[in-house]
């Protein structure tokens, strides 16, 4: 039986009043992560792409590197 892991988040704002998400002990890390919503969406899109490629037939196995994000905002 697979044990489901909860994802605990806090929706808040940073010191400049921009929306911010705090992920507590995410499934990918035991550390708390502070992340802006647009970055969260970018990572989610890349994770979906990775999952699709992993399941696709004929995709060579091996190490890959994926680019996350296209904005250079310093956040």
PDB file of N, CA and C in Angstrom:
ATOM      1  N   UNK A   1       0.835  -1.175   0.000  1.00  0.00           N
ATOM      2  CA  UNK A   1       0.000   0.000   0.000  1.00  0.00           C
ATOM      3  C   UNK A   1       0.890   1.252   0.000  1.00  0.00           C
ATOM      4  N   UNK A   2       0.559   2.204  -0.845  1.00  0.00           N
ATOM      5  CA  UNK A   2       1.309   3.455  -0.934  1.00  0.00           C
ATOM      6  C   UNK A   2       0.756   4.435   0.089  1.00  0.00           C
ATOM      7  N   UNK A   3       1.650   4.971   0.893  1.00  0.00           N
ATOM      8  CA  UNK A   3       1.243   5.958   1.887  1.00  0.00           C
ATOM      9  C   UNK A   3       1.235   7.337   1.239  1.00  0.00           C
ATOM     10  N   UNK A   4       0.120   8.018   1.337  1.00  0.00           N
ATOM     11  CA  UNK A   4       0.026   9.367   0.774  1.00  0.00           C
ATOM     12  C   UNK A   4       0.740  10.348   1.685  1.00  0.00           C
ATOM     13  N   UNK A   5       1.450  11.275   1.068  1.00  0.00           N
ATOM     14  CA  UNK A   5       2.140  12.310   1.820  1.00  0.00           C
ATOM     15  C   UNK A   5       1.392  13.615   1.641  1.00  0.00           C
ATOM     16  N   UNK A   6       1.101  14.247   2.731  1.00  0.00           N
ATOM     17  CA  UNK A   6       0.438  15.550   2.664  1.00  0.00           C
ATOM     18  C   UNK A   6       1.468  16.624   2.344  1.00  0.00           C
ATOM     19  N   UNK A   7       1.013  17.638   1.665  1.00  0.00           N
ATOM     20  CA  UNK A   7       1.843  18.813   1.401  1.00  0.00           C
ATOM     21  C   UNK A   7       1.233  19.965   2.178  1.00  0.00           C
ATOM     22  N   UNK A   8       1.944  20.424   3.178  1.00  0.00           N
ATOM     23  CA  UNK A   8       1.464  21.534   3.997  1.00  0.00           C
ATOM     24  C   UNK A   8       2.055  22.834   3.469  1.00  0.00           C
ATOM     25  N   UNK A   9       1.196  23.782   3.169  1.00  0.00           N
ATOM     26  CA  UNK A   9       1.658  25.073   2.652  1.00  0.00           C
ATOM     27  C   UNK A   9       1.045  26.212   3.452  1.00  0.00           C
ATOM     28  N   UNK A  10       1.740  27.322   3.441  1.00  0.00           N
ATOM     29  CA  UNK A  10       1.230  28.572   3.993  1.00  0.00           C
ATOM     30  C   UNK A  10       1.255  29.597   2.874  1.00  0.00           C
ATOM     31  N   UNK A  11       0.121  30.205   2.589  1.00  0.00           N
ATOM     32  CA  UNK A  11       0.050  31.273   1.596  1.00  0.00           C
ATOM     33  C   UNK A  11       0.234  32.588   2.339  1.00  0.00           C
ATOM     34  N   UNK A  12       1.229  33.347   1.905  1.00  0.00           N
ATOM     35  CA  UNK A  12       1.581  34.569   2.631  1.00  0.00           C
ATOM     36  C   UNK A  12       2.056  35.630   1.652  1.00  0.00           C
ATOM     37  N   UNK A  13       2.677  36.658   2.148  1.00  0.00           N
ATOM     38  CA  UNK A  13       3.250  37.726   1.316  1.00  0.00           C
ATOM     39  C   UNK A  13       4.665  38.022   1.793  1.00  0.00           C
ATOM     40  N   UNK A  14       5.508  38.428   0.852  1.00  0.00           N
ATOM     41  CA  UNK A  14       6.867  38.801   1.235  1.00  0.00           C
ATOM     42  C   UNK A  14       6.884  40.257   1.726  1.00  0.00           C
ATOM     43  N   UNK A  15       8.055  40.758   2.021  1.00  0.00           N
ATOM     44  CA  UNK A  15       8.151  42.123   2.574  1.00  0.00           C
ATOM     45  C   UNK A  15       7.750  43.207   1.583  1.00  0.00           C
ATOM     46  N   UNK A  16       7.660  42.830   0.294  1.00  0.00           N
ATOM     47  CA  UNK A  16       7.230  43.773  -0.738  1.00  0.00           C
ATOM     48  C   UNK A  16       5.767  43.556  -1.127  1.00  0.00           C
ATOM     49  N   UNK A  17       5.053  42.744  -0.318  1.00  0.00           N
ATOM     50  CA  UNK A  17       3.632  42.436  -0.511  1.00  0.00           C
ATOM     51  C   UNK A  17       3.353  41.568  -1.743  1.00  0.00           C
ATOM     52  N   UNK A  18       4.381  40.855  -2.246  1.00  0.00           N
ATOM     53  CA  UNK A  18       4.172  39.903  -3.340  1.00  0.00           C
ATOM     54  C   UNK A  18       3.736  38.565  -2.744  1.00  0.00           C
ATOM     55  N   UNK A  19       2.871  37.862  -3.468  1.00  0.00           N
ATOM     56  CA  UNK A  19       2.409  36.554  -3.023  1.00  0.00           C
ATOM     57  C   UNK A  19       3.594  35.603  -2.876  1.00  0.00           C
ATOM     58  N   UNK A  20       3.555  34.805  -1.814  1.00  0.00           N
ATOM     59  CA  UNK A  20       4.634  33.863  -1.515  1.00  0.00           C
ATOM     60  C   UNK A  20       4.004  32.600  -0.953  1.00  0.00           C
ATOM     61  N   UNK A  21       4.559  31.459  -1.333  1.00  0.00           N
ATOM     62  CA  UNK A  21       4.105  30.162  -0.828  1.00  0.00           C
ATOM     63  C   UNK A  21       5.236  29.561  -0.001  1.00  0.00           C
ATOM     64  N   UNK A  22       4.913  29.116   1.196  1.00  0.00           N
ATOM     65  CA  UNK A  22       5.880  28.406   2.029  1.00  0.00           C
ATOM     66  C   UNK A  22       5.432  26.951   2.064  1.00  0.00           C
ATOM     67  N   UNK A  23       6.284  26.057   1.543  1.00  0.00           N
ATOM     68  CA  UNK A  23       5.990  24.625   1.532  1.00  0.00           C
ATOM     69  C   UNK A  23       6.764  24.001   2.681  1.00  0.00           C
ATOM     70  N   UNK A  24       6.048  23.347   3.580  1.00  0.00           N
ATOM     71  CA  UNK A  24       6.668  22.722   4.749  1.00  0.00           C
ATOM     72  C   UNK A  24       6.984  21.272   4.437  1.00  0.00           C
ATOM     73  N   UNK A  25       8.249  20.918   4.540  1.00  0.00           N
ATOM     74  CA  UNK A  25       8.693  19.536   4.309  1.00  0.00           C
ATOM     75  C   UNK A  25       8.025  18.933   3.078  1.00  0.00           C
ATOM     76  N   UNK A  26       8.361  19.458   1.927  1.00  0.00           N
ATOM     77  CA  UNK A  26       7.762  18.996   0.674  1.00  0.00           C
ATOM     78  C   UNK A  26       8.179  17.557   0.378  1.00  0.00           C
ATOM     79  N   UNK A  27       7.468  16.901  -0.531  1.00  0.00           N
ATOM     80  CA  UNK A  27       7.857  15.541  -0.910  1.00  0.00           C
ATOM     81  C   UNK A  27       9.255  15.474  -1.531  1.00  0.00           C
ATOM     82  N   UNK A  28       9.762  16.598  -2.012  1.00  0.00           N
ATOM     83  CA  UNK A  28      11.077  16.618  -2.643  1.00  0.00           C
ATOM     84  C   UNK A  28      12.198  17.049  -1.703  1.00  0.00           C
ATOM     85  N   UNK A  29      11.853  17.540  -0.532  1.00  0.00           N
ATOM     86  CA  UNK A  29      12.866  18.034   0.401  1.00  0.00           C
ATOM     87  C   UNK A  29      12.316  18.008   1.820  1.00  0.00           C
ATOM     88  N   UNK A  30      13.193  17.771   2.778  1.00  0.00           N
ATOM     89  CA  UNK A  30      12.747  17.810   4.174  1.00  0.00           C
ATOM     90  C   UNK A  30      12.840  19.225   4.736  1.00  0.00           C
ATOM     91  N   UNK A  31      13.286  20.150   3.916  1.00  0.00           N
ATOM     92  CA  UNK A  31      13.408  21.545   4.342  1.00  0.00           C
ATOM     93  C   UNK A  31      12.170  22.332   3.932  1.00  0.00           C
ATOM     94  N   UNK A  32      11.916  23.423   4.620  1.00  0.00           N
ATOM     95  CA  UNK A  32      10.857  24.344   4.218  1.00  0.00           C
ATOM     96  C   UNK A  32      11.344  25.128   3.004  1.00  0.00           C
ATOM     97  N   UNK A  33      10.446  25.342   2.068  1.00  0.00           N
ATOM     98  CA  UNK A  33      10.790  26.060   0.836  1.00  0.00           C
ATOM     99  C   UNK A  33       9.901  27.283   0.721  1.00  0.00           C
ATOM    100  N   UNK A  34      10.492  28.447   0.513  1.00  0.00           N
ATOM    101  CA  UNK A  34       9.736  29.658   0.212  1.00  0.00           C
ATOM    102  C   UNK A  34       9.862  29.884  -1.287  1.00  0.00           C
ATOM    103  N   UNK A  35       8.710  29.986  -1.948  1.00  0.00           N
ATOM    104  CA  UNK A  35       8.741  30.078  -3.399  1.00  0.00           C
ATOM    105  C   UNK A  35       7.595  30.967  -3.887  1.00  0.00           C
ATOM    106  N   UNK A  36       7.873  31.724  -4.943  1.00  0.00           N
ATOM    107  CA  UNK A  36       6.842  32.571  -5.532  1.00  0.00           C
ATOM    108  C   UNK A  36       5.958  31.726  -6.446  1.00  0.00           C
ATOM    109  N   UNK A  37       4.676  32.074  -6.555  1.00  0.00           N
ATOM    110  CA  UNK A  37       3.748  31.272  -7.350  1.00  0.00           C
ATOM    111  C   UNK A  37       4.213  31.012  -8.786  1.00  0.00           C
ATOM    112  N   UNK A  38       4.790  31.997  -9.462  1.00  0.00           N
ATOM    113  CA  UNK A  38       5.218  31.772 -10.851  1.00  0.00           C
ATOM    114  C   UNK A  38       6.344  30.745 -10.922  1.00  0.00           C
ATOM    115  N   UNK A  39       7.233  30.734  -9.940  1.00  0.00           N
ATOM    116  CA  UNK A  39       8.306  29.724  -9.901  1.00  0.00           C
ATOM    117  C   UNK A  39       7.728  28.341  -9.620  1.00  0.00           C
ATOM    118  N   UNK A  40       6.736  28.275  -8.751  1.00  0.00           N
ATOM    119  CA  UNK A  40       6.072  27.011  -8.443  1.00  0.00           C
ATOM    120  C   UNK A  40       5.434  26.424  -9.708  1.00  0.00           C
ATOM    121  N   UNK A  41       4.793  27.277 -10.502  1.00  0.00           N
ATOM    122  CA  UNK A  41       4.190  26.829 -11.763  1.00  0.00           C
ATOM    123  C   UNK A  41       5.260  26.346 -12.744  1.00  0.00           C
ATOM    124  N   UNK A  42       6.389  27.061 -12.824  1.00  0.00           N
ATOM    125  CA  UNK A  42       7.466  26.664 -13.734  1.00  0.00           C
ATOM    126  C   UNK A  42       8.031  25.294 -13.347  1.00  0.00           C
ATOM    127  N   UNK A  43       8.246  25.071 -12.056  1.00  0.00           N
ATOM    128  CA  UNK A  43       8.761  23.786 -11.593  1.00  0.00           C
ATOM    129  C   UNK A  43       7.747  22.689 -11.859  1.00  0.00           C
ATOM    130  N   UNK A  44       6.470  22.963 -11.612  1.00  0.00           N
ATOM    131  CA  UNK A  44       5.421  21.974 -11.857  1.00  0.00           C
ATOM    132  C   UNK A  44       5.399  21.568 -13.331  1.00  0.00           C
ATOM    133  N   UNK A  45       5.520  22.526 -14.223  1.00  0.00           N
ATOM    134  CA  UNK A  45       5.506  22.229 -15.662  1.00  0.00           C
ATOM    135  C   UNK A  45       6.692  21.341 -16.047  1.00  0.00           C
ATOM    136  N   UNK A  46       7.855  21.617 -15.495  1.00  0.00           N
ATOM    137  CA  UNK A  46       9.033  20.796 -15.790  1.00  0.00           C
ATOM    138  C   UNK A  46       8.873  19.392 -15.217  1.00  0.00           C
ATOM    139  N   UNK A  47       8.307  19.268 -14.018  1.00  0.00           N
ATOM    140  CA  UNK A  47       8.086  17.944 -13.430  1.00  0.00           C
ATOM    141  C   UNK A  47       7.113  17.116 -14.261  1.00  0.00           C
ATOM    142  N   UNK A  48       6.079  17.748 -14.812  1.00  0.00           N
ATOM    143  CA  UNK A  48       5.139  17.038 -15.687  1.00  0.00           C
ATOM    144  C   UNK A  48       5.863  16.568 -16.942  1.00  0.00           C
ATOM    145  N   UNK A  49       6.703  17.425 -17.504  1.00  0.00           N
ATOM    146  CA  UNK A  49       7.477  17.047 -18.698  1.00  0.00           C
ATOM    147  C   UNK A  49       8.390  15.857 -18.394  1.00  0.00           C
ATOM    148  N   UNK A  50       9.048  15.875 -17.246  1.00  0.00           N
ATOM    149  CA  UNK A  50       9.929  14.772 -16.860  1.00  0.00           C
ATOM    150  C   UNK A  50       9.137  13.475 -16.725  1.00  0.00           C
ATOM    151  N   UNK A  51       7.977  13.545 -16.082  1.00  0.00           N
ATOM    152  CA  UNK A  51       7.134  12.356 -15.921  1.00  0.00           C
ATOM    153  C   UNK A  51       6.691  11.816 -17.283  1.00  0.00           C
ATOM    154  N   UNK A  52       6.296  12.709 -18.193  1.00  0.00           N
ATOM    155  CA  UNK A  52       5.882  12.289 -19.532  1.00  0.00           C
ATOM    156  C   UNK A  52       7.028  11.599 -20.267  1.00  0.00           C
ATOM    157  N   UNK A  53       8.226  12.167 -20.204  1.00  0.00           N
ATOM    158  CA  UNK A  53       9.379  11.573 -20.878  1.00  0.00           C
ATOM    159  C   UNK A  53       9.756  10.227 -20.263  1.00  0.00           C
ATOM    160  N   UNK A  54       9.617  10.116 -18.940  1.00  0.00           N
ATOM    161  CA  UNK A  54       9.960   8.865 -18.264  1.00  0.00           C
ATOM    162  C   UNK A  54       9.045   7.728 -18.712  1.00  0.00           C
ATOM    163  N   UNK A  55       7.785   8.051 -19.005  1.00  0.00           N
ATOM    164  CA  UNK A  55       6.817   7.037 -19.407  1.00  0.00           C
ATOM    165  C   UNK A  55       6.779   6.799 -20.912  1.00  0.00           C
ATOM    166  N   UNK A  56       7.362   7.702 -21.675  1.00  0.00           N
ATOM    167  CA  UNK A  56       7.309   7.592 -23.138  1.00  0.00           C
ATOM    168  C   UNK A  56       8.196   6.447 -23.619  1.00  0.00           C
ATOM    169  N   UNK A  57       7.688   5.707 -24.568  1.00  0.00           N
ATOM    170  CA  UNK A  57       8.497   4.647 -25.159  1.00  0.00           C
ATOM    171  C   UNK A  57       9.577   5.235 -26.061  1.00  0.00           C
ATOM    172  N   UNK A  58      10.714   4.600 -26.088  1.00  0.00           N
ATOM    173  CA  UNK A  58      11.785   5.013 -26.992  1.00  0.00           C
ATOM    174  C   UNK A  58      12.641   6.166 -26.508  1.00  0.00           C
ATOM    175  N   UNK A  59      12.428   6.642 -25.286  1.00  0.00           N
ATOM    176  CA  UNK A  59      13.253   7.726 -24.758  1.00  0.00           C
ATOM    177  C   UNK A  59      14.507   7.103 -24.135  1.00  0.00           C
ATOM    178  N   UNK A  60      15.694   7.513 -24.571  1.00  0.00           N
ATOM    179  CA  UNK A  60      16.916   6.933 -24.013  1.00  0.00           C
ATOM    180  C   UNK A  60      17.034   7.200 -22.509  1.00  0.00           C
ATOM    181  N   UNK A  61      17.517   6.201 -21.795  1.00  0.00           N
ATOM    182  CA  UNK A  61      17.742   6.380 -20.365  1.00  0.00           C
ATOM    183  C   UNK A  61      19.020   7.172 -20.148  1.00  0.00           C
ATOM    184  N   UNK A  62      19.149   7.749 -18.976  1.00  0.00           N
ATOM    185  CA  UNK A  62      20.360   8.479 -18.644  1.00  0.00           C
ATOM    186  C   UNK A  62      20.052   9.795 -17.962  1.00  0.00           C
ATOM    187  N   UNK A  63      21.106  10.447 -17.542  1.00  0.00           N
ATOM    188  CA  UNK A  63      20.998  11.709 -16.817  1.00  0.00           C
ATOM    189  C   UNK A  63      20.596  12.837 -17.767  1.00  0.00           C
ATOM    190  N   UNK A  64      19.741  13.710 -17.270  1.00  0.00           N
ATOM    191  CA  UNK A  64      19.302  14.877 -18.040  1.00  0.00           C
ATOM    192  C   UNK A  64      19.319  16.107 -17.140  1.00  0.00           C
ATOM    193  N   UNK A  65      19.405  17.250 -17.751  1.00  0.00           N
ATOM    194  CA  UNK A  65      19.303  18.520 -17.045  1.00  0.00           C
ATOM    195  C   UNK A  65      18.174  19.311 -17.688  1.00  0.00           C
ATOM    196  N   UNK A  66      17.336  19.903 -16.852  1.00  0.00           N
ATOM    197  CA  UNK A  66      16.190  20.669 -17.353  1.00  0.00           C
ATOM    198  C   UNK A  66      16.317  22.111 -16.889  1.00  0.00           C
ATOM    199  N   UNK A  67      15.950  23.020 -17.765  1.00  0.00           N
ATOM    200  CA  UNK A  67      15.953  24.451 -17.459  1.00  0.00           C
ATOM    201  C   UNK A  67      14.627  24.807 -16.811  1.00  0.00           C
ATOM    202  N   UNK A  68      14.674  25.487 -15.692  1.00  0.00           N
ATOM    203  CA  UNK A  68      13.459  25.945 -15.015  1.00  0.00           C
ATOM    204  C   UNK A  68      13.455  27.461 -15.030  1.00  0.00           C
ATOM    205  N   UNK A  69      12.385  28.030 -15.565  1.00  0.00           N
ATOM    206  CA  UNK A  69      12.223  29.480 -15.539  1.00  0.00           C
ATOM    207  C   UNK A  69      12.890  30.168 -16.702  1.00  0.00           C
ATOM    208  N   UNK A  70      12.329  31.287 -17.028  1.00  0.00           N
ATOM    209  CA  UNK A  70      12.878  32.088 -18.125  1.00  0.00           C
ATOM    210  C   UNK A  70      13.055  33.537 -17.714  1.00  0.00           C
ATOM    211  N   UNK A  71      12.501  33.876 -16.579  1.00  0.00           N
ATOM    212  CA  UNK A  71      12.600  35.262 -16.101  1.00  0.00           C
ATOM    213  C   UNK A  71      13.884  35.451 -15.301  1.00  0.00           C
ATOM    214  N   UNK A  72      14.461  36.617 -15.411  1.00  0.00           N
ATOM    215  CA  UNK A  72      15.624  36.947 -14.602  1.00  0.00           C
ATOM    216  C   UNK A  72      15.242  38.116 -13.706  1.00  0.00           C
ATOM    217  N   UNK A  73      14.455  37.809 -12.678  1.00  0.00           N
ATOM    218  CA  UNK A  73      13.909  38.856 -11.816  1.00  0.00           C
ATOM    219  C   UNK A  73      14.647  38.969 -10.487  1.00  0.00           C
ATOM    220  N   UNK A  74      15.515  38.025 -10.217  1.00  0.00           N
ATOM    221  CA  UNK A  74      16.193  38.039  -8.933  1.00  0.00           C
ATOM    222  C   UNK A  74      15.327  37.576  -7.778  1.00  0.00           C
ATOM    223  N   UNK A  75      14.195  36.935  -8.091  1.00  0.00           N
ATOM    224  CA  UNK A  75      13.338  36.401  -7.026  1.00  0.00           C
ATOM    225  C   UNK A  75      13.064  34.947  -7.294  1.00  0.00           C
TER     226      UNK A  75
END
